[in-house]
Amino acid sequence: MKAETAYNVIQALPQQEVERLYKMLNVVSATNTTTKKAQKKSLLSDAEATEFLLRKLRGS
């Protein structure tokens, strides 16, 4: 079976049947796996950004 065919079949199935198919194939479901996304640190807080802009505008 081609990957394209499997993809189309999985897209056509209801979620419950997709989970059942994954169990039959002994594959970990993509919905069960979660990855932690690292939060990006903001470069400046709102207050710091405001102060920076005010200093720049007053200096001009």
N, C-alpha and C. Protein backbone atom coordinates (compact mmCIF):
# COMPACT_ATOMS: atom_id res chain seq x y z
N MET A 1 0.85 -1.17 0.00
CA MET A 1 0.00 0.00 0.00
C MET A 1 0.89 1.24 0.00
N LYS A 2 0.57 2.17 -0.84
CA LYS A 2 1.32 3.41 -0.91
C LYS A 2 0.93 4.31 0.26
N ALA A 3 1.84 5.17 0.63
CA ALA A 3 1.57 6.10 1.72
C ALA A 3 0.41 7.03 1.37
N GLU A 4 0.32 7.42 0.11
CA GLU A 4 -0.77 8.29 -0.32
C GLU A 4 -2.12 7.62 -0.11
N THR A 5 -2.20 6.34 -0.42
CA THR A 5 -3.44 5.59 -0.26
C THR A 5 -3.80 5.49 1.21
N ALA A 6 -2.82 5.16 2.04
CA ALA A 6 -3.07 5.05 3.48
C ALA A 6 -3.52 6.39 4.04
N TYR A 7 -2.89 7.46 3.60
CA TYR A 7 -3.26 8.79 4.07
C TYR A 7 -4.71 9.11 3.72
N ASN A 8 -5.10 8.82 2.48
CA ASN A 8 -6.48 9.09 2.05
C ASN A 8 -7.48 8.26 2.83
N VAL A 9 -7.13 7.01 3.11
CA VAL A 9 -8.02 6.15 3.89
C VAL A 9 -8.18 6.71 5.30
N ILE A 10 -7.08 7.08 5.92
CA ILE A 10 -7.13 7.60 7.29
C ILE A 10 -7.92 8.90 7.34
N GLN A 11 -7.78 9.75 6.34
CA GLN A 11 -8.52 11.01 6.31
C GLN A 11 -10.03 10.77 6.19
N ALA A 12 -10.43 9.68 5.54
CA ALA A 12 -11.84 9.39 5.34
C ALA A 12 -12.50 8.74 6.55
N LEU A 13 -11.70 8.17 7.44
CA LEU A 13 -12.25 7.46 8.59
C LEU A 13 -12.65 8.42 9.70
N PRO A 14 -13.70 8.04 10.48
CA PRO A 14 -14.01 8.81 11.68
C PRO A 14 -12.89 8.61 12.72
N GLN A 15 -12.77 9.53 13.67
CA GLN A 15 -11.68 9.51 14.64
C GLN A 15 -11.62 8.18 15.40
N GLN A 16 -12.75 7.65 15.77
CA GLN A 16 -12.77 6.39 16.52
C GLN A 16 -12.17 5.25 15.70
N GLU A 17 -12.47 5.21 14.42
CA GLU A 17 -11.94 4.17 13.56
C GLU A 17 -10.45 4.37 13.29
N VAL A 18 -10.01 5.63 13.26
CA VAL A 18 -8.58 5.91 13.08
C VAL A 18 -7.81 5.35 14.27
N GLU A 19 -8.32 5.59 15.47
CA GLU A 19 -7.66 5.06 16.67
C GLU A 19 -7.62 3.53 16.63
N ARG A 20 -8.71 2.93 16.18
CA ARG A 20 -8.77 1.46 16.08
C ARG A 20 -7.75 0.94 15.06
N LEU A 21 -7.62 1.63 13.94
CA LEU A 21 -6.65 1.26 12.91
C LEU A 21 -5.23 1.34 13.46
N TYR A 22 -4.94 2.42 14.19
CA TYR A 22 -3.61 2.56 14.78
C TYR A 22 -3.31 1.41 15.75
N LYS A 23 -4.32 1.00 16.52
CA LYS A 23 -4.12 -0.13 17.44
C LYS A 23 -3.84 -1.41 16.66
N MET A 24 -4.58 -1.61 15.56
CA MET A 24 -4.38 -2.81 14.75
C MET A 24 -2.98 -2.84 14.14
N LEU A 25 -2.49 -1.67 13.76
CA LEU A 25 -1.17 -1.57 13.14
C LEU A 25 -0.05 -1.47 14.17
N ASN A 26 -0.44 -1.40 15.44
CA ASN A 26 0.52 -1.26 16.54
C ASN A 26 1.39 -0.02 16.35
N VAL A 27 0.70 1.08 16.04
CA VAL A 27 1.37 2.36 15.80
C VAL A 27 0.88 3.35 16.85
N VAL A 28 1.78 4.16 17.35
CA VAL A 28 1.39 5.19 18.30
C VAL A 28 0.65 6.29 17.54
N SER A 29 -0.52 6.62 18.02
CA SER A 29 -1.34 7.64 17.38
C SER A 29 -0.70 9.01 17.49
N ALA A 30 -0.83 9.79 16.45
CA ALA A 30 -0.29 11.15 16.46
C ALA A 30 -1.04 12.01 17.46
N THR A 31 -2.30 11.68 17.75
CA THR A 31 -3.08 12.48 18.70
C THR A 31 -2.65 12.21 20.13
N ASN A 32 -2.02 11.07 20.38
CA ASN A 32 -1.60 10.73 21.73
C ASN A 32 -0.22 11.27 22.07
N THR A 33 0.53 11.65 21.08
CA THR A 33 1.87 12.15 21.35
C THR A 33 1.82 13.67 21.44
N THR A 34 2.44 14.18 22.45
CA THR A 34 2.51 15.62 22.61
C THR A 34 3.95 16.02 22.83
N THR A 35 4.29 17.13 22.29
CA THR A 35 5.63 17.65 22.48
C THR A 35 5.51 18.99 23.19
N LYS A 36 6.43 19.21 24.08
CA LYS A 36 6.43 20.48 24.78
C LYS A 36 7.13 21.51 23.91
N LYS A 37 6.47 22.60 23.72
CA LYS A 37 7.06 23.68 22.94
C LYS A 37 7.66 24.67 23.93
N ALA A 38 8.87 25.01 23.68
CA ALA A 38 9.54 25.98 24.54
C ALA A 38 8.96 27.36 24.29
N GLN A 39 8.64 28.02 25.38
CA GLN A 39 8.14 29.37 25.23
C GLN A 39 9.29 30.30 24.94
N LYS A 40 9.07 31.17 24.01
CA LYS A 40 10.10 32.13 23.66
C LYS A 40 10.10 33.24 24.71
N LYS A 41 11.29 33.60 25.11
CA LYS A 41 11.40 34.71 26.03
C LYS A 41 11.20 35.99 25.24
N SER A 42 10.42 36.89 25.81
CA SER A 42 10.28 38.17 25.14
C SER A 42 11.55 38.97 25.36
N LEU A 43 11.93 39.68 24.36
CA LEU A 43 13.16 40.46 24.45
C LEU A 43 13.02 41.60 25.46
N LEU A 44 11.87 42.26 25.42
CA LEU A 44 11.59 43.36 26.33
C LEU A 44 10.18 43.22 26.86
N SER A 45 9.99 43.65 28.09
CA SER A 45 8.62 43.69 28.60
C SER A 45 7.93 44.90 27.98
N ASP A 46 6.64 45.00 28.14
CA ASP A 46 5.91 46.14 27.59
C ASP A 46 6.41 47.45 28.18
N ALA A 47 6.65 47.44 29.48
CA ALA A 47 7.12 48.66 30.15
C ALA A 47 8.50 49.06 29.63
N GLU A 48 9.38 48.09 29.47
CA GLU A 48 10.73 48.38 28.97
C GLU A 48 10.68 48.91 27.54
N ALA A 49 9.82 48.33 26.73
CA ALA A 49 9.69 48.78 25.34
C ALA A 49 9.15 50.20 25.29
N THR A 50 8.17 50.49 26.14
CA THR A 50 7.61 51.84 26.18
C THR A 50 8.66 52.85 26.60
N GLU A 51 9.41 52.52 27.64
CA GLU A 51 10.48 53.42 28.10
C GLU A 51 11.51 53.64 27.00
N PHE A 52 11.90 52.60 26.32
CA PHE A 52 12.88 52.70 25.24
C PHE A 52 12.38 53.63 24.15
N LEU A 53 11.13 53.44 23.74
CA LEU A 53 10.57 54.27 22.67
C LEU A 53 10.46 55.73 23.10
N LEU A 54 10.04 55.95 24.33
CA LEU A 54 9.93 57.33 24.81
C LEU A 54 11.29 58.01 24.84
N ARG A 55 12.32 57.29 25.28
CA ARG A 55 13.67 57.86 25.30
C ARG A 55 14.12 58.20 23.88
N LYS A 56 13.85 57.30 22.94
CA LYS A 56 14.26 57.53 21.55
C LYS A 56 13.51 58.73 20.94
N LEU A 57 12.22 58.82 21.23
CA LEU A 57 11.42 59.91 20.66
C LEU A 57 11.78 61.25 21.27
N ARG A 58 12.05 61.28 22.56
CA ARG A 58 12.42 62.53 23.22
C ARG A 58 13.81 62.98 22.80
N GLY A 59 14.68 62.03 22.54
CA GLY A 59 16.05 62.36 22.16
C GLY A 59 16.16 62.91 20.75
N SER A 60 15.17 62.65 19.91
CA SER A 60 15.24 63.09 18.50
C SER A 60 14.89 64.54 18.35
